[in-house]
Amino acid sequence: MADDHARTLTNRGRKAATAIGDWLRDKGFLPDIVLSSDAARTRETSAYLLAGFDPRPALQFVPILYHASPDTVVDVASGPRADCIAIVGHNPGIGMAAHGLVREKPAHHRFSDYPTCATTVIDFDGPITPGAGALVDFVVPRDLTD
């Protein structure tokens, strides 16, 4: 068995990442920069997410996002000066960060367990801090595929 950092996406994962990328683009959620873990599957996820974007946002691989804690995810998101930042990370940290950043949780029944490739769009009027984000949208791949 390959080590976890080197594990690649399954066909289902590729389909999910493509669907989420299409959803982001169709909804007009166009990141200026994508900050991604440097694991093989998040590198692949980022490539599939961004395949339909023109122009493509800047993509930066951030090793500390690999299995990062929610606090680390927030710290990384707070770094760049950009209007729209996307983070591609790993559970449970990415899901816990999403939970902690929004003022109100979405009604979607999957937000609590935050499945693979779940995507939360959050708006901040000021600094990215816990509980300060306004929920804009939330989706899971299953909403878009099958």
N, C-alpha and C. Protein backbone atom coordinates (compact mmCIF):
# COMPACT_ATOMS: atom_id res chain seq x y z
N MET A 1 0.84 -1.19 0.00
CA MET A 1 0.00 0.00 0.00
C MET A 1 0.88 1.24 0.00
N ALA A 2 0.55 2.21 -0.85
CA ALA A 2 1.31 3.45 -0.94
C ALA A 2 1.12 4.28 0.33
N ASP A 3 2.15 5.07 0.64
CA ASP A 3 1.98 5.93 1.80
C ASP A 3 0.90 6.97 1.49
N ASP A 4 0.25 7.46 2.53
CA ASP A 4 -0.92 8.33 2.35
C ASP A 4 -0.61 9.58 1.54
N HIS A 5 0.54 10.18 1.73
CA HIS A 5 0.91 11.41 1.02
C HIS A 5 1.00 11.17 -0.48
N ALA A 6 1.35 9.96 -0.89
CA ALA A 6 1.51 9.63 -2.31
C ALA A 6 0.25 9.06 -2.95
N ARG A 7 -0.79 8.85 -2.15
CA ARG A 7 -2.02 8.25 -2.67
C ARG A 7 -2.68 9.18 -3.69
N THR A 8 -3.13 8.61 -4.79
CA THR A 8 -3.76 9.40 -5.86
C THR A 8 -5.28 9.30 -5.79
N LEU A 9 -5.94 10.10 -6.59
CA LEU A 9 -7.40 10.08 -6.64
C LEU A 9 -7.93 8.82 -7.31
N THR A 10 -9.12 8.44 -6.92
CA THR A 10 -9.85 7.39 -7.60
C THR A 10 -10.60 8.03 -8.77
N ASN A 11 -11.20 7.21 -9.61
CA ASN A 11 -12.04 7.77 -10.69
C ASN A 11 -13.17 8.61 -10.11
N ARG A 12 -13.75 8.15 -9.01
CA ARG A 12 -14.82 8.91 -8.35
C ARG A 12 -14.29 10.27 -7.87
N GLY A 13 -13.07 10.30 -7.35
CA GLY A 13 -12.46 11.55 -6.90
C GLY A 13 -12.22 12.51 -8.04
N ARG A 14 -11.79 11.99 -9.18
CA ARG A 14 -11.57 12.85 -10.36
C ARG A 14 -12.90 13.44 -10.82
N LYS A 15 -13.94 12.61 -10.84
CA LYS A 15 -15.28 13.07 -11.26
C LYS A 15 -15.79 14.14 -10.28
N ALA A 16 -15.57 13.92 -8.99
CA ALA A 16 -16.02 14.88 -7.97
C ALA A 16 -15.29 16.21 -8.12
N ALA A 17 -13.98 16.18 -8.30
CA ALA A 17 -13.19 17.41 -8.43
C ALA A 17 -13.60 18.19 -9.68
N THR A 18 -13.84 17.48 -10.77
CA THR A 18 -14.29 18.13 -12.00
C THR A 18 -15.65 18.79 -11.78
N ALA A 19 -16.57 18.09 -11.13
CA ALA A 19 -17.92 18.63 -10.88
C ALA A 19 -17.84 19.87 -9.98
N ILE A 20 -17.01 19.83 -8.96
CA ILE A 20 -16.88 20.98 -8.06
C ILE A 20 -16.26 22.15 -8.81
N GLY A 21 -15.26 21.90 -9.63
CA GLY A 21 -14.66 22.97 -10.44
C GLY A 21 -15.67 23.61 -11.36
N ASP A 22 -16.49 22.80 -12.02
CA ASP A 22 -17.54 23.33 -12.91
C ASP A 22 -18.54 24.15 -12.11
N TRP A 23 -18.92 23.66 -10.92
CA TRP A 23 -19.87 24.36 -10.05
C TRP A 23 -19.31 25.72 -9.62
N LEU A 24 -18.04 25.74 -9.20
CA LEU A 24 -17.41 27.01 -8.80
C LEU A 24 -17.43 28.01 -9.95
N ARG A 25 -17.03 27.55 -11.12
CA ARG A 25 -16.98 28.42 -12.29
C ARG A 25 -18.38 28.90 -12.69
N ASP A 26 -19.35 27.98 -12.73
CA ASP A 26 -20.71 28.34 -13.13
C ASP A 26 -21.36 29.32 -12.17
N LYS A 27 -21.01 29.20 -10.88
CA LYS A 27 -21.57 30.09 -9.86
C LYS A 27 -20.82 31.42 -9.77
N GLY A 28 -19.70 31.53 -10.47
CA GLY A 28 -18.90 32.75 -10.42
C GLY A 28 -18.00 32.85 -9.21
N PHE A 29 -17.74 31.73 -8.56
CA PHE A 29 -16.81 31.68 -7.42
C PHE A 29 -15.41 31.43 -7.99
N LEU A 30 -14.77 32.49 -8.42
CA LEU A 30 -13.52 32.38 -9.16
C LEU A 30 -12.35 32.81 -8.28
N PRO A 31 -11.58 31.87 -7.77
CA PRO A 31 -10.48 32.24 -6.88
C PRO A 31 -9.36 32.97 -7.62
N ASP A 32 -8.73 33.89 -6.89
CA ASP A 32 -7.53 34.55 -7.40
C ASP A 32 -6.32 33.64 -7.18
N ILE A 33 -6.37 32.88 -6.09
CA ILE A 33 -5.28 31.97 -5.75
C ILE A 33 -5.87 30.71 -5.12
N VAL A 34 -5.25 29.58 -5.43
CA VAL A 34 -5.61 28.31 -4.83
C VAL A 34 -4.41 27.84 -4.03
N LEU A 35 -4.63 27.60 -2.74
CA LEU A 35 -3.60 27.09 -1.85
C LEU A 35 -3.93 25.64 -1.58
N SER A 36 -3.03 24.75 -1.95
CA SER A 36 -3.31 23.31 -1.89
C SER A 36 -2.23 22.59 -1.09
N SER A 37 -2.66 21.58 -0.37
CA SER A 37 -1.71 20.65 0.22
C SER A 37 -0.85 20.08 -0.91
N ASP A 38 0.34 19.65 -0.57
CA ASP A 38 1.23 19.10 -1.60
C ASP A 38 1.09 17.59 -1.76
N ALA A 39 0.10 16.98 -1.13
CA ALA A 39 -0.13 15.54 -1.31
C ALA A 39 -0.56 15.26 -2.74
N ALA A 40 -0.29 14.05 -3.21
CA ALA A 40 -0.62 13.69 -4.60
C ALA A 40 -2.09 13.91 -4.91
N ARG A 41 -3.00 13.49 -4.02
CA ARG A 41 -4.43 13.60 -4.33
C ARG A 41 -4.92 15.04 -4.33
N THR A 42 -4.34 15.91 -3.50
CA THR A 42 -4.77 17.32 -3.53
C THR A 42 -4.17 18.03 -4.74
N ARG A 43 -2.99 17.61 -5.16
CA ARG A 43 -2.43 18.15 -6.41
C ARG A 43 -3.35 17.80 -7.58
N GLU A 44 -3.78 16.53 -7.62
CA GLU A 44 -4.70 16.10 -8.67
C GLU A 44 -6.04 16.83 -8.56
N THR A 45 -6.56 16.92 -7.35
CA THR A 45 -7.83 17.62 -7.14
C THR A 45 -7.74 19.04 -7.68
N SER A 46 -6.67 19.73 -7.35
CA SER A 46 -6.49 21.11 -7.82
C SER A 46 -6.47 21.17 -9.35
N ALA A 47 -5.79 20.24 -9.98
CA ALA A 47 -5.73 20.22 -11.45
C ALA A 47 -7.12 20.02 -12.05
N TYR A 48 -7.89 19.09 -11.51
CA TYR A 48 -9.24 18.85 -12.03
C TYR A 48 -10.17 20.01 -11.72
N LEU A 49 -10.03 20.60 -10.53
CA LEU A 49 -10.86 21.76 -10.17
C LEU A 49 -10.66 22.91 -11.14
N LEU A 50 -9.42 23.15 -11.50
CA LEU A 50 -9.07 24.34 -12.28
C LEU A 50 -9.07 24.12 -13.79
N ALA A 51 -9.33 22.90 -14.23
CA ALA A 51 -9.23 22.58 -15.66
C ALA A 51 -10.06 23.50 -16.54
N GLY A 52 -11.23 23.91 -16.09
CA GLY A 52 -12.11 24.73 -16.93
C GLY A 52 -11.99 26.23 -16.69
N PHE A 53 -11.07 26.65 -15.84
CA PHE A 53 -10.94 28.07 -15.53
C PHE A 53 -10.07 28.78 -16.56
N ASP A 54 -10.56 29.94 -17.02
CA ASP A 54 -9.80 30.76 -17.95
C ASP A 54 -10.09 32.22 -17.63
N PRO A 55 -9.14 32.93 -17.10
CA PRO A 55 -7.77 32.50 -16.83
C PRO A 55 -7.71 31.61 -15.59
N ARG A 56 -6.65 30.85 -15.52
CA ARG A 56 -6.45 29.97 -14.36
C ARG A 56 -5.93 30.80 -13.19
N PRO A 57 -6.45 30.53 -12.01
CA PRO A 57 -5.91 31.22 -10.84
C PRO A 57 -4.50 30.72 -10.53
N ALA A 58 -3.77 31.53 -9.77
CA ALA A 58 -2.46 31.10 -9.30
C ALA A 58 -2.66 29.88 -8.41
N LEU A 59 -1.74 28.93 -8.48
CA LEU A 59 -1.80 27.71 -7.68
C LEU A 59 -0.51 27.59 -6.90
N GLN A 60 -0.65 27.46 -5.59
CA GLN A 60 0.52 27.33 -4.72
C GLN A 60 0.36 26.09 -3.85
N PHE A 61 1.38 25.25 -3.82
CA PHE A 61 1.35 24.07 -2.96
C PHE A 61 1.98 24.43 -1.62
N VAL A 62 1.24 24.12 -0.55
CA VAL A 62 1.62 24.50 0.80
C VAL A 62 1.75 23.23 1.64
N PRO A 63 2.97 22.76 1.87
CA PRO A 63 3.16 21.49 2.57
C PRO A 63 2.47 21.41 3.93
N ILE A 64 2.37 22.52 4.67
CA ILE A 64 1.76 22.44 6.01
C ILE A 64 0.25 22.21 5.96
N LEU A 65 -0.36 22.28 4.77
CA LEU A 65 -1.78 21.95 4.65
C LEU A 65 -2.04 20.45 4.67
N TYR A 66 -0.99 19.64 4.54
CA TYR A 66 -1.17 18.19 4.58
C TYR A 66 -1.60 17.80 5.99
N HIS A 67 -2.83 17.33 6.11
CA HIS A 67 -3.44 16.95 7.40
C HIS A 67 -3.32 18.06 8.44
N ALA A 68 -3.54 19.29 8.00
CA ALA A 68 -3.43 20.46 8.87
C ALA A 68 -4.58 20.53 9.87
N SER A 69 -4.29 21.12 11.01
CA SER A 69 -5.33 21.40 12.00
C SER A 69 -6.19 22.55 11.49
N PRO A 70 -7.38 22.73 12.05
CA PRO A 70 -8.22 23.86 11.64
C PRO A 70 -7.51 25.20 11.82
N ASP A 71 -6.76 25.37 12.90
CA ASP A 71 -6.03 26.62 13.12
C ASP A 71 -5.00 26.88 12.02
N THR A 72 -4.32 25.83 11.58
CA THR A 72 -3.34 25.98 10.51
C THR A 72 -4.03 26.35 9.20
N VAL A 73 -5.17 25.73 8.92
CA VAL A 73 -5.93 26.07 7.70
C VAL A 73 -6.30 27.56 7.72
N VAL A 74 -6.78 28.05 8.85
CA VAL A 74 -7.15 29.46 8.98
C VAL A 74 -5.92 30.35 8.82
N ASP A 75 -4.80 29.97 9.43
CA ASP A 75 -3.57 30.75 9.30
C ASP A 75 -3.12 30.84 7.85
N VAL A 76 -3.16 29.72 7.13
CA VAL A 76 -2.77 29.70 5.72
C VAL A 76 -3.71 30.57 4.89
N ALA A 77 -5.01 30.47 5.15
CA ALA A 77 -6.00 31.26 4.40
C ALA A 77 -5.83 32.75 4.66
N SER A 78 -5.33 33.11 5.82
CA SER A 78 -5.17 34.51 6.20
C SER A 78 -3.94 35.16 5.57
N GLY A 79 -3.06 34.37 4.99
CA GLY A 79 -1.79 34.88 4.48
C GLY A 79 -1.88 35.73 3.23
N PRO A 80 -2.42 35.22 2.14
CA PRO A 80 -2.38 35.97 0.88
C PRO A 80 -3.30 37.20 0.90
N ARG A 81 -2.90 38.19 0.15
CA ARG A 81 -3.75 39.36 -0.07
C ARG A 81 -4.45 39.16 -1.40
N ALA A 82 -5.66 38.64 -1.35
CA ALA A 82 -6.43 38.35 -2.55
C ALA A 82 -7.91 38.47 -2.21
N ASP A 83 -8.72 38.79 -3.20
CA ASP A 83 -10.16 38.90 -2.97
C ASP A 83 -10.82 37.54 -2.74
N CYS A 84 -10.34 36.51 -3.44
CA CYS A 84 -10.95 35.19 -3.34
C CYS A 84 -9.86 34.14 -3.27
N ILE A 85 -9.87 33.38 -2.18
CA ILE A 85 -8.87 32.34 -1.93
C ILE A 85 -9.58 31.00 -1.83
N ALA A 86 -9.03 29.99 -2.47
CA ALA A 86 -9.53 28.62 -2.33
C ALA A 86 -8.46 27.80 -1.62
N ILE A 87 -8.92 26.94 -0.71
CA ILE A 87 -8.03 26.04 0.02
C ILE A 87 -8.41 24.61 -0.35
N VAL A 88 -7.42 23.81 -0.76
CA VAL A 88 -7.64 22.40 -1.03
C VAL A 88 -6.83 21.64 0.02
N GLY A 89 -7.55 21.02 0.94
CA GLY A 89 -6.88 20.36 2.06
C GLY A 89 -7.47 19.00 2.36
N HIS A 90 -7.35 18.61 3.61
CA HIS A 90 -7.73 17.27 4.03
C HIS A 90 -8.65 17.32 5.25
N ASN A 91 -9.51 16.33 5.32
CA ASN A 91 -10.31 16.14 6.52
C ASN A 91 -9.48 15.44 7.58
N PRO A 92 -9.72 15.69 8.84
CA PRO A 92 -10.84 16.46 9.36
C PRO A 92 -10.58 17.97 9.45
N GLY A 93 -9.33 18.41 9.27
CA GLY A 93 -8.99 19.82 9.49
C GLY A 93 -9.74 20.81 8.62
N ILE A 94 -9.89 20.51 7.33
CA ILE A 94 -10.56 21.45 6.43
C ILE A 94 -12.04 21.59 6.79
N GLY A 95 -12.69 20.48 7.12
CA GLY A 95 -14.09 20.52 7.53
C GLY A 95 -14.28 21.25 8.85
N MET A 96 -13.38 21.00 9.79
CA MET A 96 -13.46 21.68 11.08
C MET A 96 -13.21 23.18 10.92
N ALA A 97 -12.31 23.55 10.01
CA ALA A 97 -12.07 24.97 9.75
C ALA A 97 -13.33 25.62 9.19
N ALA A 98 -13.98 24.97 8.23
CA ALA A 98 -15.22 25.51 7.65
C ALA A 98 -16.27 25.71 8.74
N HIS A 99 -16.41 24.72 9.61
CA HIS A 99 -17.38 24.82 10.71
C HIS A 99 -17.07 26.00 11.61
N GLY A 100 -15.82 26.18 11.91
CA GLY A 100 -15.43 27.24 12.84
C GLY A 100 -15.46 28.64 12.26
N LEU A 101 -15.37 28.75 10.93
CA LEU A 101 -15.29 30.07 10.32
C LEU A 101 -16.65 30.72 10.07
N VAL A 102 -17.70 29.93 9.86
CA VAL A 102 -19.00 30.51 9.52
C VAL A 102 -19.80 30.89 10.77
N ARG A 103 -20.53 32.00 10.64
CA ARG A 103 -21.42 32.43 11.73
C ARG A 103 -22.62 31.51 11.83
N GLU A 104 -23.16 31.12 10.67
CA GLU A 104 -24.33 30.23 10.63
C GLU A 104 -24.02 29.05 9.74
N LYS A 105 -24.39 27.88 10.19
CA LYS A 105 -24.16 26.66 9.42
C LYS A 105 -25.24 26.51 8.35
N PRO A 106 -24.90 25.92 7.21
CA PRO A 106 -25.92 25.68 6.19
C PRO A 106 -26.89 24.60 6.65
N ALA A 107 -28.07 24.59 6.07
CA ALA A 107 -29.08 23.59 6.40
C ALA A 107 -28.74 22.22 5.80
N HIS A 108 -27.78 22.16 4.90
CA HIS A 108 -27.41 20.93 4.21
C HIS A 108 -27.03 19.85 5.22
N HIS A 109 -27.61 18.67 5.08
CA HIS A 109 -27.39 17.59 6.04
C HIS A 109 -25.97 17.03 6.03
N ARG A 110 -25.17 17.32 5.02
CA ARG A 110 -23.81 16.78 4.95
C ARG A 110 -22.75 17.73 5.53
N PHE A 111 -23.14 18.94 5.89
CA PHE A 111 -22.15 19.87 6.43
C PHE A 111 -21.50 19.33 7.70
N SER A 112 -22.28 18.65 8.53
CA SER A 112 -21.75 18.16 9.80
C SER A 112 -20.68 17.09 9.64
N ASP A 113 -20.76 16.26 8.60
CA ASP A 113 -19.73 15.23 8.41
C ASP A 113 -18.74 15.58 7.31
N TYR A 114 -18.96 16.64 6.59
CA TYR A 114 -18.05 17.21 5.60
C TYR A 114 -17.34 16.15 4.74
N PRO A 115 -18.08 15.57 3.79
CA PRO A 115 -17.50 14.50 2.97
C PRO A 115 -16.37 15.01 2.05
N THR A 116 -15.65 14.07 1.49
CA THR A 116 -14.56 14.39 0.57
C THR A 116 -15.05 15.32 -0.54
N CYS A 117 -14.27 16.35 -0.80
CA CYS A 117 -14.52 17.35 -1.84
C CYS A 117 -15.71 18.27 -1.53
N ALA A 118 -16.22 18.21 -0.29
CA ALA A 118 -17.24 19.18 0.12
C ALA A 118 -16.63 20.57 -0.05
N THR A 119 -17.46 21.54 -0.40
CA THR A 119 -16.97 22.88 -0.68
C THR A 119 -17.87 23.91 -0.01
N THR A 120 -17.25 24.75 0.80
CA THR A 120 -17.95 25.84 1.47
C THR A 120 -17.41 27.15 0.95
N VAL A 121 -18.31 28.04 0.56
CA VAL A 121 -17.92 29.39 0.12
C VAL A 121 -18.31 30.34 1.25
N ILE A 122 -17.32 31.07 1.72
CA ILE A 122 -17.49 31.95 2.89
C ILE A 122 -17.02 33.35 2.51
N ASP A 123 -17.77 34.36 2.93
CA ASP A 123 -17.41 35.76 2.68
C ASP A 123 -17.01 36.41 4.01
N PHE A 124 -15.94 37.17 3.98
CA PHE A 124 -15.48 37.89 5.16
C PHE A 124 -15.44 39.38 4.86
N ASP A 125 -15.97 40.18 5.78
CA ASP A 125 -15.91 41.64 5.64
C ASP A 125 -14.57 42.18 6.12
N GLY A 126 -13.90 41.43 6.96
CA GLY A 126 -12.61 41.84 7.51
C GLY A 126 -11.69 40.65 7.53
N PRO A 127 -10.86 40.56 8.55
CA PRO A 127 -9.92 39.44 8.65
C PRO A 127 -10.62 38.09 8.72
N ILE A 128 -9.92 37.07 8.26
CA ILE A 128 -10.43 35.70 8.33
C ILE A 128 -10.22 35.22 9.76
N THR A 129 -11.31 35.21 10.51
CA THR A 129 -11.24 34.79 11.91
C THR A 129 -12.43 33.89 12.23
N PRO A 130 -12.26 33.02 13.22
CA PRO A 130 -13.35 32.11 13.58
C PRO A 130 -14.66 32.84 13.88
N GLY A 131 -15.74 32.31 13.29
CA GLY A 131 -17.08 32.85 13.52
C GLY A 131 -17.39 34.13 12.79
N ALA A 132 -16.46 34.65 11.99
CA ALA A 132 -16.67 35.94 11.32
C ALA A 132 -17.19 35.81 9.89
N GLY A 133 -17.25 34.60 9.37
CA GLY A 133 -17.60 34.42 7.97
C GLY A 133 -19.09 34.26 7.73
N ALA A 134 -19.54 34.90 6.66
CA ALA A 134 -20.93 34.74 6.22
C ALA A 134 -20.98 33.59 5.22
N LEU A 135 -21.80 32.60 5.49
CA LEU A 135 -21.95 31.48 4.57
C LEU A 135 -22.58 31.98 3.27
N VAL A 136 -21.94 31.68 2.16
CA VAL A 136 -22.46 32.03 0.84
C VAL A 136 -23.09 30.80 0.19
N ASP A 137 -22.38 29.67 0.26
CA ASP A 137 -22.90 28.46 -0.38
C ASP A 137 -22.14 27.25 0.17
N PHE A 138 -22.76 26.09 0.01
CA PHE A 138 -22.14 24.82 0.39
C PHE A 138 -22.65 23.75 -0.56
N VAL A 139 -21.75 22.88 -0.98
CA VAL A 139 -22.13 21.79 -1.88
C VAL A 139 -21.23 20.59 -1.64
N VAL A 140 -21.77 19.42 -1.92
CA VAL A 140 -20.97 18.20 -1.93
C VAL A 140 -21.07 17.60 -3.34
N PRO A 141 -20.08 16.84 -3.75
CA PRO A 141 -20.10 16.28 -5.11
C PRO A 141 -21.36 15.51 -5.45
N ARG A 142 -21.90 14.79 -4.51
CA ARG A 142 -23.10 13.99 -4.78
C ARG A 142 -24.28 14.86 -5.23
N ASP A 143 -24.30 16.13 -4.79
CA ASP A 143 -25.35 17.06 -5.24
C ASP A 143 -25.24 17.33 -6.74
N LEU A 144 -24.07 17.13 -7.29
CA LEU A 144 -23.79 17.52 -8.67
C LEU A 144 -23.61 16.36 -9.63
N THR A 145 -23.43 15.15 -9.09
CA THR A 145 -23.13 13.98 -9.92
C THR A 145 -24.16 12.88 -9.66
N ASP A 146 -23.99 11.78 -10.33
CA ASP A 146 -24.80 10.55 -10.23
C ASP A 146 -26.09 10.61 -10.94
